[in-house]
Amino acid sequence: MEQDEVVREGCDDVPELDEGWWSSILNDESSYTEDSSVVETKTNPVPQVGALDWDCVRELYEHDEVVLLTVHGFNRGGLLVQGDCIQGFVPVSHLVDMPTNVTDEQRHNLLSEYIGKSLYLKVIECEPSCDRVVLSERAAQAGEGKRKELFESLRAGSTLSGIVTNITDFGAFIDLGGVEGLIHVSELSWGRVDKPDKFLQIGQQVRVMVLSVNEETSRIALSLKRLAANPWEELLRKYSIGDVVEAYITSILKFGAFARLDEGVEGLIHISCIAQGNDHPNLQKMFTSGQKVTVRILHIDAERRRLGLGLVTTE
């Protein structure tokens, strides 16, 4: 893993990110694990080898050890595995040889082929209160002790490379070489982000900035946008209220249309600025994505990243 010098400027005011979005992202996978009705196994599944030993699980987790476990079941979210003192769940995104762009039927068939096989895994989530153990084949590839090494070397403001392993509505998970961090959707771009998968693709290598590190909870918050200059600051320096500029339509909604300025910032042309005597204009007929329009700067709220635009028409 390559790591650059620490970039301190602009990082001192990074807030501690809410733990809520971490748990929200894992809720779906948790439901897969807990809903035994959707778990599929062989006719003669691997027999249970003993109750879950939390002391054993914690030791595996704290020492960042690699363990060999057998797959005894699966569901659409991943694999169920077990061993002498441990049983848990391996999400699809943490399987090394599992393709991402497959149909549900193809995923079902691919996961079924894992039944009875043994995988080298690492414990990446250990939550006794939720009866939850999550493991990763991808993390195991980094070798034992890598997590502690990474957490000791990571600092807020440092930049490094990683691989996109999973994309959700909340953001993107990045493998940093044995440990995963998360780029929250708000840290993907300085502009508006409606779909994270428009910015990143699974398997893509990206450069990210570390915002915060919590070794106790194994949480690493990352940012993509902070490696680029803040265009909102440029907007405040460059434009004044009333300035007329060119922009390009990016999306059309019921309440107006979004248009992107050359600086990369999107602003909203509200329908009230478009109507001009027509109470219900058909925006889909008026605009097309990529269309060049002339707009007037109505207001700039850099702190909240809000840009109001008015449509300038030529008679």
C-alpha atoms as a PDB file:
ATOM      1  CA  MET A   1       0.000   0.000   0.000  1.00  0.00           C
ATOM      2  CA  GLU A   2       1.354   3.356  -1.008  1.00  0.00           C
ATOM      3  CA  GLN A   3       0.864   6.233   1.402  1.00  0.00           C
ATOM      4  CA  ASP A   4       1.677   9.869   0.746  1.00  0.00           C
ATOM      5  CA  GLU A   5       2.544  12.678   3.050  1.00  0.00           C
ATOM      6  CA  VAL A   6      -0.110  13.948   5.426  1.00  0.00           C
ATOM      7  CA  VAL A   7      -2.181  16.802   4.025  1.00  0.00           C
ATOM      8  CA  ARG A   8      -3.192  18.866   7.011  1.00  0.00           C
ATOM      9  CA  GLU A   9      -4.775  21.873   5.326  1.00  0.00           C
ATOM     10  CA  GLY A  10      -8.558  21.802   5.498  1.00  0.00           C
ATOM     11  CA  CYS A  11      -8.725  18.737   7.741  1.00  0.00           C
ATOM     12  CA  ASP A  12      -8.757  20.292  11.177  1.00  0.00           C
ATOM     13  CA  ASP A  13     -12.454  21.046  10.927  1.00  0.00           C
ATOM     14  CA  VAL A  14     -13.558  17.589   9.804  1.00  0.00           C
ATOM     15  CA  PRO A  15     -16.469  16.591  12.072  1.00  0.00           C
ATOM     16  CA  GLU A  16     -16.749  13.199  13.708  1.00  0.00           C
ATOM     17  CA  LEU A  17     -19.059  11.317  11.364  1.00  0.00           C
ATOM     18  CA  ASP A  18     -22.281   9.850  12.721  1.00  0.00           C
ATOM     19  CA  GLU A  19     -22.061   6.133  13.460  1.00  0.00           C
ATOM     20  CA  GLY A  20     -25.646   5.847  12.281  1.00  0.00           C
ATOM     21  CA  TRP A  21     -24.762   5.488   8.652  1.00  0.00           C
ATOM     22  CA  TRP A  22     -22.344   2.648   9.368  1.00  0.00           C
ATOM     23  CA  SER A  23     -25.066   0.588  10.999  1.00  0.00           C
ATOM     24  CA  SER A  24     -27.567   1.561   8.321  1.00  0.00           C
ATOM     25  CA  ILE A  25     -25.313   0.214   5.606  1.00  0.00           C
ATOM     26  CA  LEU A  26     -24.942  -3.097   7.400  1.00  0.00           C
ATOM     27  CA  ASN A  27     -28.649  -3.525   8.154  1.00  0.00           C
ATOM     28  CA  ASP A  28     -29.362  -5.270   4.875  1.00  0.00           C
ATOM     29  CA  GLU A  29     -26.572  -7.788   5.350  1.00  0.00           C
ATOM     30  CA  SER A  30     -27.687  -8.320   8.948  1.00  0.00           C
ATOM     31  CA  SER A  31     -31.172  -9.203   7.779  1.00  0.00           C
ATOM     32  CA  TYR A  32     -29.726 -11.794   5.439  1.00  0.00           C
ATOM     33  CA  THR A  33     -27.790 -13.377   8.286  1.00  0.00           C
ATOM     34  CA  GLU A  34     -30.641 -13.404  10.776  1.00  0.00           C
ATOM     35  CA  ASP A  35     -33.363 -14.611   8.390  1.00  0.00           C
ATOM     36  CA  SER A  36     -32.683 -18.333   8.413  1.00  0.00           C
ATOM     37  CA  SER A  37     -35.738 -18.974   6.237  1.00  0.00           C
ATOM     38  CA  VAL A  38     -33.847 -17.801   3.157  1.00  0.00           C
ATOM     39  CA  VAL A  39     -30.670 -19.754   3.903  1.00  0.00           C
ATOM     40  CA  GLU A  40     -30.030 -22.656   1.558  1.00  0.00           C
ATOM     41  CA  THR A  41     -27.820 -25.637   2.357  1.00  0.00           C
ATOM     42  CA  LYS A  42     -26.923 -29.008   0.906  1.00  0.00           C
ATOM     43  CA  THR A  43     -29.139 -32.015   1.567  1.00  0.00           C
ATOM     44  CA  ASN A  44     -26.434 -33.186   3.985  1.00  0.00           C
ATOM     45  CA  PRO A  45     -25.023 -29.903   5.313  1.00  0.00           C
ATOM     46  CA  VAL A  46     -21.820 -29.627   7.260  1.00  0.00           C
ATOM     47  CA  PRO A  47     -22.727 -30.650  10.837  1.00  0.00           C
ATOM     48  CA  GLN A  48     -22.636 -28.114  13.629  1.00  0.00           C
ATOM     49  CA  VAL A  49     -19.280 -28.363  15.363  1.00  0.00           C
ATOM     50  CA  GLY A  50     -20.068 -26.570  18.575  1.00  0.00           C
ATOM     51  CA  ALA A  51     -21.611 -23.436  20.010  1.00  0.00           C
ATOM     52  CA  LEU A  52     -20.245 -20.017  19.173  1.00  0.00           C
ATOM     53  CA  ASP A  53     -17.374 -19.221  21.545  1.00  0.00           C
ATOM     54  CA  TRP A  54     -17.228 -15.433  21.876  1.00  0.00           C
ATOM     55  CA  ASP A  55     -13.862 -15.517  23.649  1.00  0.00           C
ATOM     56  CA  CYS A  56     -12.460 -17.384  20.670  1.00  0.00           C
ATOM     57  CA  VAL A  57     -14.074 -14.969  18.213  1.00  0.00           C
ATOM     58  CA  ARG A  58     -12.726 -11.923  20.062  1.00  0.00           C
ATOM     59  CA  GLU A  59      -9.234 -13.407  20.102  1.00  0.00           C
ATOM     60  CA  LEU A  60      -9.355 -14.038  16.361  1.00  0.00           C
ATOM     61  CA  TYR A  61     -10.565 -10.489  15.818  1.00  0.00           C
ATOM     62  CA  GLU A  62      -8.183  -8.710  18.195  1.00  0.00           C
ATOM     63  CA  HIS A  63      -5.129 -10.596  16.893  1.00  0.00           C
ATOM     64  CA  ASP A  64      -6.272 -10.138  13.292  1.00  0.00           C
ATOM     65  CA  GLU A  65      -5.801 -13.841  12.626  1.00  0.00           C
ATOM     66  CA  VAL A  66      -6.681 -15.792   9.491  1.00  0.00           C
ATOM     67  CA  VAL A  67      -8.916 -18.804  10.084  1.00  0.00           C
ATOM     68  CA  LEU A  68     -10.008 -21.646   7.796  1.00  0.00           C
ATOM     69  CA  LEU A  69     -13.789 -22.133   7.873  1.00  0.00           C
ATOM     70  CA  THR A  70     -16.248 -24.319   5.977  1.00  0.00           C
ATOM     71  CA  VAL A  71     -19.210 -22.988   3.999  1.00  0.00           C
ATOM     72  CA  HIS A  72     -22.445 -24.665   5.114  1.00  0.00           C
ATOM     73  CA  GLY A  73     -25.080 -22.362   3.641  1.00  0.00           C
ATOM     74  CA  PHE A  74     -25.821 -19.208   1.704  1.00  0.00           C
ATOM     75  CA  ASN A  75     -28.451 -16.623   0.871  1.00  0.00           C
ATOM     76  CA  ARG A  76     -28.590 -13.769  -1.607  1.00  0.00           C
ATOM     77  CA  GLY A  77     -26.343 -11.646   0.654  1.00  0.00           C
ATOM     78  CA  GLY A  78     -23.438 -14.053   1.090  1.00  0.00           C
ATOM     79  CA  LEU A  79     -22.194 -17.243   2.739  1.00  0.00           C
ATOM     80  CA  LEU A  80     -22.695 -18.872   6.129  1.00  0.00           C
ATOM     81  CA  VAL A  81     -19.493 -20.410   7.487  1.00  0.00           C
ATOM     82  CA  GLN A  82     -18.450 -22.282  10.607  1.00  0.00           C
ATOM     83  CA  GLY A  83     -15.516 -23.884  12.388  1.00  0.00           C
ATOM     84  CA  ASP A  84     -14.477 -25.265  15.774  1.00  0.00           C
ATOM     85  CA  CYS A  85     -15.468 -22.228  17.829  1.00  0.00           C
ATOM     86  CA  ILE A  86     -16.951 -19.818  15.345  1.00  0.00           C
ATOM     87  CA  GLN A  87     -19.753 -19.371  12.876  1.00  0.00           C
ATOM     88  CA  GLY A  88     -20.606 -16.280  10.916  1.00  0.00           C
ATOM     89  CA  PHE A  89     -21.477 -14.533   7.685  1.00  0.00           C
ATOM     90  CA  VAL A  90     -19.322 -13.568   4.681  1.00  0.00           C
ATOM     91  CA  PRO A  91     -20.942 -10.792   2.571  1.00  0.00           C
ATOM     92  CA  VAL A  92     -20.783 -11.191  -1.200  1.00  0.00           C
ATOM     93  CA  SER A  93     -18.640  -8.057  -1.481  1.00  0.00           C
ATOM     94  CA  HIS A  94     -15.955  -9.749   0.651  1.00  0.00           C
ATOM     95  CA  LEU A  95     -15.569 -12.791  -1.599  1.00  0.00           C
ATOM     96  CA  VAL A  96     -12.499 -12.563  -3.800  1.00  0.00           C
ATOM     97  CA  ASP A  97     -13.788 -14.462  -6.843  1.00  0.00           C
ATOM     98  CA  MET A  98     -17.393 -13.290  -6.814  1.00  0.00           C
ATOM     99  CA  PRO A  99     -18.332 -11.109  -9.821  1.00  0.00           C
ATOM    100  CA  THR A 100     -20.571  -8.115  -9.198  1.00  0.00           C
ATOM    101  CA  ASN A 101     -22.531  -7.593 -12.390  1.00  0.00           C
ATOM    102  CA  VAL A 102     -24.565 -10.802 -12.365  1.00  0.00           C
ATOM    103  CA  THR A 103     -28.256 -11.641 -12.323  1.00  0.00           C
ATOM    104  CA  ASP A 104     -29.948 -13.018  -9.208  1.00  0.00           C
ATOM    105  CA  GLU A 105     -30.019 -16.456 -10.780  1.00  0.00           C
ATOM    106  CA  GLN A 106     -26.320 -16.324 -11.646  1.00  0.00           C
ATOM    107  CA  ARG A 107     -25.469 -15.170  -8.127  1.00  0.00           C
ATOM    108  CA  HIS A 108     -27.562 -18.007  -6.685  1.00  0.00           C
ATOM    109  CA  ASN A 109     -25.701 -20.560  -8.791  1.00  0.00           C
ATOM    110  CA  LEU A 110     -22.275 -19.119  -8.001  1.00  0.00           C
ATOM    111  CA  LEU A 111     -22.934 -19.024  -4.252  1.00  0.00           C
ATOM    112  CA  SER A 112     -24.267 -22.589  -4.268  1.00  0.00           C
ATOM    113  CA  GLU A 113     -20.898 -23.758  -5.608  1.00  0.00           C
ATOM    114  CA  TYR A 114     -19.243 -22.637  -2.352  1.00  0.00           C
ATOM    115  CA  ILE A 115     -21.191 -25.163  -0.250  1.00  0.00           C
ATOM    116  CA  GLY A 116     -18.773 -27.595   1.427  1.00  0.00           C
ATOM    117  CA  LYS A 117     -15.689 -25.594   0.479  1.00  0.00           C
ATOM    118  CA  SER A 118     -13.219 -24.159   2.990  1.00  0.00           C
ATOM    119  CA  LEU A 119     -12.168 -20.500   2.870  1.00  0.00           C
ATOM    120  CA  TYR A 120      -9.400 -18.544   4.585  1.00  0.00           C
ATOM    121  CA  LEU A 121     -11.162 -15.668   6.366  1.00  0.00           C
ATOM    122  CA  LYS A 122     -10.725 -12.847   8.859  1.00  0.00           C
ATOM    123  CA  VAL A 123     -13.233 -11.576  11.407  1.00  0.00           C
ATOM    124  CA  ILE A 124     -14.057  -7.968  10.498  1.00  0.00           C
ATOM    125  CA  GLU A 125     -17.172  -7.443  12.645  1.00  0.00           C
ATOM    126  CA  CYS A 126     -17.606  -8.874  16.126  1.00  0.00           C
ATOM    127  CA  GLU A 127     -20.772  -7.800  17.944  1.00  0.00           C
ATOM    128  CA  PRO A 128     -21.908 -10.189  20.741  1.00  0.00           C
ATOM    129  CA  SER A 129     -24.896  -7.990  21.636  1.00  0.00           C
ATOM    130  CA  CYS A 130     -26.286  -8.551  18.134  1.00  0.00           C
ATOM    131  CA  ASP A 131     -25.053 -12.148  17.905  1.00  0.00           C
ATOM    132  CA  ARG A 132     -23.186 -10.970  14.820  1.00  0.00           C
ATOM    133  CA  VAL A 133     -19.914 -12.207  13.332  1.00  0.00           C
ATOM    134  CA  VAL A 134     -18.923 -10.957   9.867  1.00  0.00           C
ATOM    135  CA  LEU A 135     -15.892 -12.350   8.059  1.00  0.00           C
ATOM    136  CA  SER A 136     -13.960 -11.429   4.928  1.00  0.00           C
ATOM    137  CA  GLU A 137     -12.006 -13.464   2.413  1.00  0.00           C
ATOM    138  CA  ARG A 138     -10.701 -10.248   0.877  1.00  0.00           C
ATOM    139  CA  ALA A 139      -9.240  -9.043   4.195  1.00  0.00           C
ATOM    140  CA  ALA A 140      -7.583 -12.431   4.777  1.00  0.00           C
ATOM    141  CA  GLN A 141      -5.511 -11.947   1.630  1.00  0.00           C
ATOM    142  CA  ALA A 142      -3.646  -9.096   3.303  1.00  0.00           C
ATOM    143  CA  GLY A 143      -2.219 -11.509   5.894  1.00  0.00           C
ATOM    144  CA  GLU A 144      -2.344 -11.654   9.682  1.00  0.00           C
ATOM    145  CA  GLY A 145      -1.771  -8.504  11.712  1.00  0.00           C
ATOM    146  CA  LYS A 146      -2.339  -6.172   8.781  1.00  0.00           C
ATOM    147  CA  ARG A 147      -5.309  -4.390  10.385  1.00  0.00           C
ATOM    148  CA  LYS A 148      -3.324  -3.258  13.416  1.00  0.00           C
ATOM    149  CA  GLU A 149      -0.467  -2.148  11.187  1.00  0.00           C
ATOM    150  CA  LEU A 150      -2.828  -0.097   9.058  1.00  0.00           C
ATOM    151  CA  PHE A 151      -4.594   1.530  11.978  1.00  0.00           C
ATOM    152  CA  GLU A 152      -1.259   2.515  13.490  1.00  0.00           C
ATOM    153  CA  SER A 153      -0.156   4.155  10.235  1.00  0.00           C
ATOM    154  CA  LEU A 154      -3.385   5.918   9.217  1.00  0.00           C
ATOM    155  CA  ARG A 155      -3.848   9.533  10.227  1.00  0.00           C
ATOM    156  CA  ALA A 156      -6.564  12.072   9.479  1.00  0.00           C
ATOM    157  CA  GLY A 157      -5.432  14.025   6.427  1.00  0.00           C
ATOM    158  CA  SER A 158      -3.282  11.272   4.930  1.00  0.00           C
ATOM    159  CA  THR A 159      -3.934  10.121   1.374  1.00  0.00           C
ATOM    160  CA  LEU A 160      -3.669   6.585   0.002  1.00  0.00           C
ATOM    161  CA  SER A 161      -4.960   4.264  -2.691  1.00  0.00           C
ATOM    162  CA  GLY A 162      -7.644   1.614  -2.366  1.00  0.00           C
ATOM    163  CA  ILE A 163     -10.017  -0.585  -4.327  1.00  0.00           C
ATOM    164  CA  VAL A 164     -13.788  -0.060  -4.441  1.00  0.00           C
ATOM    165  CA  THR A 165     -15.396  -3.220  -3.017  1.00  0.00           C
ATOM    166  CA  ASN A 166     -19.028  -2.212  -2.618  1.00  0.00           C
ATOM    167  CA  ILE A 167     -21.329   0.696  -3.518  1.00  0.00           C
ATOM    168  CA  THR A 168     -24.564   1.493  -1.681  1.00  0.00           C
ATOM    169  CA  ASP A 169     -26.995   4.412  -1.520  1.00  0.00           C
ATOM    170  CA  PHE A 170     -24.978   5.647   1.464  1.00  0.00           C
ATOM    171  CA  GLY A 171     -21.577   5.661  -0.222  1.00  0.00           C
ATOM    172  CA  ALA A 172     -18.738   3.367  -1.248  1.00  0.00           C
ATOM    173  CA  PHE A 173     -16.563   0.889   0.667  1.00  0.00           C
ATOM    174  CA  ILE A 174     -12.848   1.013  -0.119  1.00  0.00           C
ATOM    175  CA  ASP A 175     -10.368  -1.799   0.585  1.00  0.00           C
ATOM    176  CA  LEU A 176      -7.200  -0.158   1.891  1.00  0.00           C
ATOM    177  CA  GLY A 177      -5.225  -3.382   1.970  1.00  0.00           C
ATOM    178  CA  GLY A 178      -6.861  -5.558   4.607  1.00  0.00           C
ATOM    179  CA  VAL A 179      -9.133  -2.944   6.165  1.00  0.00           C
ATOM    180  CA  GLU A 180     -12.150  -1.240   4.629  1.00  0.00           C
ATOM    181  CA  GLY A 181     -13.032   2.417   4.881  1.00  0.00           C
ATOM    182  CA  LEU A 182     -16.156   4.206   3.753  1.00  0.00           C
ATOM    183  CA  ILE A 183     -16.598   7.228   1.521  1.00  0.00           C
ATOM    184  CA  HIS A 184     -19.934   8.586   2.673  1.00  0.00           C
ATOM    185  CA  VAL A 185     -22.150   9.868  -0.127  1.00  0.00           C
ATOM    186  CA  SER A 186     -21.591  13.438   1.109  1.00  0.00           C
ATOM    187  CA  GLU A 187     -17.828  13.003   0.601  1.00  0.00           C
ATOM    188  CA  LEU A 188     -17.959  11.731  -2.987  1.00  0.00           C
ATOM    189  CA  SER A 189     -18.266  15.101  -4.692  1.00  0.00           C
ATOM    190  CA  TRP A 190     -18.549  18.805  -3.972  1.00  0.00           C
ATOM    191  CA  GLY A 191     -21.599  18.769  -6.206  1.00  0.00           C
ATOM    192  CA  ARG A 192     -24.920  16.973  -5.933  1.00  0.00           C
ATOM    193  CA  VAL A 193     -24.749  13.172  -5.744  1.00  0.00           C
ATOM    194  CA  ASP A 194     -27.957  11.334  -6.567  1.00  0.00           C
ATOM    195  CA  LYS A 195     -26.397   7.935  -7.325  1.00  0.00           C
ATOM    196  CA  PRO A 196     -22.945   6.964  -5.955  1.00  0.00           C
ATOM    197  CA  ASP A 197     -22.459   4.403  -8.736  1.00  0.00           C
ATOM    198  CA  LYS A 198     -22.224   7.295 -11.200  1.00  0.00           C
ATOM    199  CA  PHE A 199     -18.958   8.308  -9.535  1.00  0.00           C
ATOM    200  CA  LEU A 200     -17.320   4.958  -8.792  1.00  0.00           C
ATOM    201  CA  GLN A 201     -17.353   1.371  -9.995  1.00  0.00           C
ATOM    202  CA  ILE A 202     -16.662  -1.832  -8.051  1.00  0.00           C
ATOM    203  CA  GLY A 203     -13.064  -2.934  -8.656  1.00  0.00           C
ATOM    204  CA  GLN A 204     -11.915   0.603  -9.469  1.00  0.00           C
ATOM    205  CA  GLN A 205      -8.714   1.879  -7.881  1.00  0.00           C
ATOM    206  CA  VAL A 206      -9.149   5.289  -6.293  1.00  0.00           C
ATOM    207  CA  ARG A 207      -7.124   7.765  -4.303  1.00  0.00           C
ATOM    208  CA  VAL A 208      -8.785   8.925  -1.077  1.00  0.00           C
ATOM    209  CA  MET A 209      -8.183  11.143   1.912  1.00  0.00           C
ATOM    210  CA  VAL A 210      -8.593   9.836   5.468  1.00  0.00           C
ATOM    211  CA  LEU A 211     -11.041  11.928   7.498  1.00  0.00           C
ATOM    212  CA  SER A 212     -11.151   9.983  10.758  1.00  0.00           C
ATOM    213  CA  VAL A 213      -9.912   6.701  12.204  1.00  0.00           C
ATOM    214  CA  ASN A 214     -11.483   4.750  15.065  1.00  0.00           C
ATOM    215  CA  GLU A 215      -9.544   1.571  15.795  1.00  0.00           C
ATOM    216  CA  GLU A 216     -11.914   0.557  18.583  1.00  0.00           C
ATOM    217  CA  THR A 217     -14.846   0.259  16.163  1.00  0.00           C
ATOM    218  CA  SER A 218     -12.695  -0.404  13.073  1.00  0.00           C
ATOM    219  CA  ARG A 219     -14.240   2.607  11.331  1.00  0.00           C
ATOM    220  CA  ILE A 220     -12.312   4.587   8.761  1.00  0.00           C
ATOM    221  CA  ALA A 221     -14.053   7.561   7.184  1.00  0.00           C
ATOM    222  CA  LEU A 222     -12.711   8.562   3.769  1.00  0.00           C
ATOM    223  CA  SER A 223     -13.228  11.349   1.278  1.00  0.00           C
ATOM    224  CA  LEU A 224     -12.881  11.613  -2.472  1.00  0.00           C
ATOM    225  CA  LYS A 225     -13.960  15.214  -2.917  1.00  0.00           C
ATOM    226  CA  ARG A 226     -11.374  16.708  -0.527  1.00  0.00           C
ATOM    227  CA  LEU A 227      -8.565  15.801  -2.905  1.00  0.00           C
ATOM    228  CA  ALA A 228      -9.946  18.451  -5.259  1.00  0.00           C
ATOM    229  CA  ALA A 229     -10.293  22.184  -4.676  1.00  0.00           C
ATOM    230  CA  ASN A 230     -13.603  23.311  -3.214  1.00  0.00           C
ATOM    231  CA  PRO A 231     -15.452  24.841  -6.194  1.00  0.00           C
ATOM    232  CA  TRP A 232     -17.876  26.626  -3.862  1.00  0.00           C
ATOM    233  CA  GLU A 233     -15.065  28.832  -2.618  1.00  0.00           C
ATOM    234  CA  GLU A 234     -14.190  29.666  -6.218  1.00  0.00           C
ATOM    235  CA  LEU A 235     -17.845  30.475  -6.908  1.00  0.00           C
ATOM    236  CA  LEU A 236     -17.905  33.017  -4.069  1.00  0.00           C
ATOM    237  CA  ARG A 237     -14.757  34.687  -5.405  1.00  0.00           C
ATOM    238  CA  LYS A 238     -15.790  34.641  -9.051  1.00  0.00           C
ATOM    239  CA  TYR A 239     -19.505  35.468  -9.108  1.00  0.00           C
ATOM    240  CA  SER A 240     -21.914  37.981  -7.646  1.00  0.00           C
ATOM    241  CA  ILE A 241     -25.672  37.892  -7.375  1.00  0.00           C
ATOM    242  CA  GLY A 242     -27.135  38.880 -10.746  1.00  0.00           C
ATOM    243  CA  ASP A 243     -24.263  37.622 -12.886  1.00  0.00           C
ATOM    244  CA  VAL A 244     -25.327  35.892 -16.098  1.00  0.00           C
ATOM    245  CA  VAL A 245     -23.434  32.712 -17.009  1.00  0.00           C
ATOM    246  CA  GLU A 246     -23.743  29.632 -19.185  1.00  0.00           C
ATOM    247  CA  ALA A 247     -24.657  26.221 -17.763  1.00  0.00           C
ATOM    248  CA  TYR A 248     -25.647  22.739 -18.888  1.00  0.00           C
ATOM    249  CA  ILE A 249     -28.814  20.892 -17.883  1.00  0.00           C
ATOM    250  CA  THR A 250     -28.007  17.758 -15.845  1.00  0.00           C
ATOM    251  CA  SER A 251     -31.415  16.570 -14.641  1.00  0.00           C
ATOM    252  CA  ILE A 252     -35.067  17.524 -14.974  1.00  0.00           C
ATOM    253  CA  LEU A 253     -37.499  17.159 -12.077  1.00  0.00           C
ATOM    254  CA  LYS A 254     -41.076  18.174 -11.332  1.00  0.00           C
ATOM    255  CA  PHE A 255     -40.006  21.234  -9.363  1.00  0.00           C
ATOM    256  CA  GLY A 256     -37.323  22.453 -11.730  1.00  0.00           C
ATOM    257  CA  ALA A 257     -34.108  21.585 -13.530  1.00  0.00           C
ATOM    258  CA  PHE A 258     -30.533  21.249 -12.301  1.00  0.00           C
ATOM    259  CA  ALA A 259     -27.802  22.888 -14.356  1.00  0.00           C
ATOM    260  CA  ARG A 260     -24.024  22.577 -13.977  1.00  0.00           C
ATOM    261  CA  LEU A 261     -21.684  25.547 -14.251  1.00  0.00           C
ATOM    262  CA  ASP A 262     -18.193  25.233 -15.736  1.00  0.00           C
ATOM    263  CA  GLU A 263     -16.801  25.073 -12.187  1.00  0.00           C
ATOM    264  CA  GLY A 264     -18.566  21.732 -11.707  1.00  0.00           C
ATOM    265  CA  VAL A 265     -21.219  23.009  -9.290  1.00  0.00           C
ATOM    266  CA  GLU A 266     -24.881  22.292  -9.945  1.00  0.00           C
ATOM    267  CA  GLY A 267     -27.601  24.821  -9.257  1.00  0.00           C
ATOM    268  CA  LEU A 268     -31.384  24.609  -9.322  1.00  0.00           C
ATOM    269  CA  ILE A 269     -33.518  26.507 -11.794  1.00  0.00           C
ATOM    270  CA  HIS A 270     -36.766  26.398  -9.821  1.00  0.00           C
ATOM    271  CA  ILE A 271     -39.987  26.010 -11.745  1.00  0.00           C
ATOM    272  CA  SER A 272     -41.178  29.362 -10.361  1.00  0.00           C
ATOM    273  CA  CYS A 273     -38.377  30.997 -12.346  1.00  0.00           C
ATOM    274  CA  ILE A 274     -39.447  29.209 -15.509  1.00  0.00           C
ATOM    275  CA  ALA A 275     -43.248  29.497 -15.548  1.00  0.00           C
ATOM    276  CA  GLN A 276     -43.582  33.061 -16.885  1.00  0.00           C
ATOM    277  CA  GLY A 277     -47.372  33.024 -17.114  1.00  0.00           C
ATOM    278  CA  ASN A 278     -47.610  29.270 -17.571  1.00  0.00           C
ATOM    279  CA  ASP A 279     -48.548  27.770 -14.200  1.00  0.00           C
ATOM    280  CA  HIS A 280     -47.614  24.239 -15.260  1.00  0.00           C
ATOM    281  CA  PRO A 281     -44.835  24.269 -17.859  1.00  0.00           C
ATOM    282  CA  ASN A 282     -43.756  20.919 -19.304  1.00  0.00           C
ATOM    283  CA  LEU A 283     -40.113  20.851 -18.263  1.00  0.00           C
ATOM    284  CA  GLN A 284     -39.451  17.580 -20.081  1.00  0.00           C
ATOM    285  CA  LYS A 285     -40.336  19.311 -23.347  1.00  0.00           C
ATOM    286  CA  MET A 286     -38.471  22.501 -22.497  1.00  0.00           C
ATOM    287  CA  PHE A 287     -35.160  20.909 -21.531  1.00  0.00           C
ATOM    288  CA  THR A 288     -32.951  17.976 -22.452  1.00  0.00           C
ATOM    289  CA  SER A 289     -29.976  16.593 -20.549  1.00  0.00           C
ATOM    290  CA  GLY A 290     -26.788  18.290 -21.721  1.00  0.00           C
ATOM    291  CA  GLN A 291     -28.628  21.284 -23.145  1.00  0.00           C
ATOM    292  CA  LYS A 292     -26.765  24.577 -22.948  1.00  0.00           C
ATOM    293  CA  VAL A 293     -28.720  27.347 -21.208  1.00  0.00           C
ATOM    294  CA  THR A 294     -28.095  30.882 -20.008  1.00  0.00           C
ATOM    295  CA  VAL A 295     -28.805  31.453 -16.333  1.00  0.00           C
ATOM    296  CA  ARG A 296     -28.630  34.232 -13.761  1.00  0.00           C
ATOM    297  CA  ILE A 297     -27.067  33.745 -10.326  1.00  0.00           C
ATOM    298  CA  LEU A 298     -29.861  34.275  -7.795  1.00  0.00           C
ATOM    299  CA  HIS A 299     -28.173  33.167  -4.584  1.00  0.00           C
ATOM    300  CA  ILE A 300     -25.088  31.237  -3.417  1.00  0.00           C
ATOM    301  CA  ASP A 301     -25.039  29.374  -0.104  1.00  0.00           C
ATOM    302  CA  ALA A 302     -21.565  27.822  -0.048  1.00  0.00           C
ATOM    303  CA  GLU A 303     -21.930  26.441   3.485  1.00  0.00           C
ATOM    304  CA  ARG A 304     -25.016  24.413   2.587  1.00  0.00           C
ATOM    305  CA  ARG A 305     -23.878  23.937  -1.033  1.00  0.00           C
ATOM    306  CA  ARG A 306     -26.993  25.531  -2.497  1.00  0.00           C
ATOM    307  CA  LEU A 307     -26.986  27.488  -5.738  1.00  0.00           C
ATOM    308  CA  GLY A 308     -30.127  29.201  -7.020  1.00  0.00           C
ATOM    309  CA  LEU A 309     -30.365  29.967 -10.725  1.00  0.00           C
ATOM    310  CA  GLY A 310     -32.859  31.782 -12.910  1.00  0.00           C
ATOM    311  CA  LEU A 311     -33.409  31.010 -16.580  1.00  0.00           C
ATOM    312  CA  VAL A 312     -32.459  33.826 -18.936  1.00  0.00           C
ATOM    313  CA  THR A 313     -34.503  33.731 -22.127  1.00  0.00           C
ATOM    314  CA  THR A 314     -33.768  35.557 -25.333  1.00  0.00           C
ATOM    315  CA  GLU A 315     -36.691  37.219 -27.137  1.00  0.00           C
END
